Amino acid sequence: MPLRVYSGFLGRLPLDSREYAVLKTAIGEGNVATDYTVEILCDASDATLLLNRATEFYPEALPFIQLGMDVCIA
């Protein structure tokens, strides 16, 4: 997930939510000035929570979460 999307999504979540806790454990890589991506490592139930929360509050994150879920299933 691009850093811009990650930051926007994180900003929409309550600080005490499970989804916020999962996103805060993400791993970033790349160059912040050019292309920085964030990888979120979680189990399927947490990914579903993220997907549901993004559907409601930050749809721009949906394709990135879905892609990650599809990769895990494959």
Protein backbone atom coordinates (compact mmCIF):
# COMPACT_ATOMS: atom_id res chain seq x y z
CA MET A 1 0.00 0.00 0.00
CA PRO A 2 1.43 3.40 -0.87
CA LEU A 3 2.43 5.53 2.11
CA ARG A 4 -0.14 8.21 1.21
CA VAL A 5 -2.98 5.67 1.31
CA TYR A 6 -1.65 4.04 4.48
CA SER A 7 -1.42 7.39 6.28
CA GLY A 8 -4.88 8.44 5.18
CA PHE A 9 -6.42 5.14 6.25
CA LEU A 10 -4.60 5.14 9.58
CA GLY A 11 -5.87 8.65 10.26
CA ARG A 12 -9.49 7.51 9.90
CA LEU A 13 -9.26 4.76 12.52
CA PRO A 14 -9.95 5.09 16.24
CA LEU A 15 -6.69 4.87 18.20
CA ASP A 16 -8.04 2.06 20.37
CA SER A 17 -9.27 -0.12 17.47
CA ARG A 18 -7.82 -3.47 16.46
CA GLU A 19 -7.41 -2.17 12.92
CA TYR A 20 -5.26 0.72 14.12
CA ALA A 21 -3.06 -1.68 16.10
CA VAL A 22 -2.61 -3.90 13.04
CA LEU A 23 -1.68 -0.97 10.79
CA LYS A 24 0.81 0.38 13.33
CA THR A 25 2.84 -2.85 13.02
CA ALA A 26 3.32 -2.31 9.26
CA ILE A 27 6.72 -2.46 7.62
CA GLY A 28 7.76 0.34 5.26
CA GLU A 29 10.26 0.16 2.45
CA GLY A 30 11.52 2.40 -0.31
CA ASN A 31 12.38 6.07 -0.54
CA VAL A 32 9.95 8.47 1.10
CA ALA A 33 10.71 11.15 -1.51
CA THR A 34 9.85 8.95 -4.47
CA ASP A 35 8.03 5.67 -3.90
CA TYR A 36 7.46 4.35 -0.41
CA THR A 37 5.23 1.35 0.24
CA VAL A 38 3.91 -0.13 3.44
CA GLU A 39 3.48 -3.88 3.95
CA ILE A 40 0.96 -4.98 6.54
CA LEU A 41 1.54 -8.43 8.00
CA CYS A 42 -1.56 -9.91 9.62
CA ASP A 43 -3.78 -12.97 9.70
CA ALA A 44 -6.90 -13.41 7.58
CA SER A 45 -9.29 -12.25 10.30
CA ASP A 46 -7.39 -8.98 10.75
CA ALA A 47 -7.26 -8.50 6.98
CA THR A 48 -11.04 -8.89 6.89
CA LEU A 49 -11.37 -6.28 9.65
CA LEU A 50 -9.20 -3.90 7.62
CA LEU A 51 -11.21 -4.57 4.48
CA ASN A 52 -14.50 -3.90 6.25
CA ARG A 53 -13.21 -0.71 7.88
CA ALA A 54 -11.78 0.55 4.57
CA THR A 55 -15.11 -0.12 2.87
CA GLU A 56 -16.79 2.14 5.39
CA PHE A 57 -14.20 4.87 5.97
CA TYR A 58 -11.41 4.84 3.37
CA PRO A 59 -12.32 3.14 0.05
CA GLU A 60 -9.03 4.18 -1.54
CA ALA A 61 -7.32 1.46 0.55
CA LEU A 62 -9.63 -1.32 -0.69
CA PRO A 63 -7.70 -2.46 -3.78
CA PHE A 64 -4.45 -2.72 -1.82
CA ILE A 65 -6.01 -4.73 0.99
CA GLN A 66 -7.82 -6.98 -1.49
CA LEU A 67 -4.60 -7.55 -3.44
CA GLY A 68 -2.84 -8.61 -0.26
CA MET A 69 -5.65 -10.98 0.62
CA ASP A 70 -5.61 -12.48 -2.88
CA VAL A 71 -1.85 -13.06 -2.69
CA CYS A 72 -2.25 -14.86 0.64
CA ILE A 73 -4.96 -17.13 -0.73
CA ALA A 74 -2.96 -18.04 -3.85
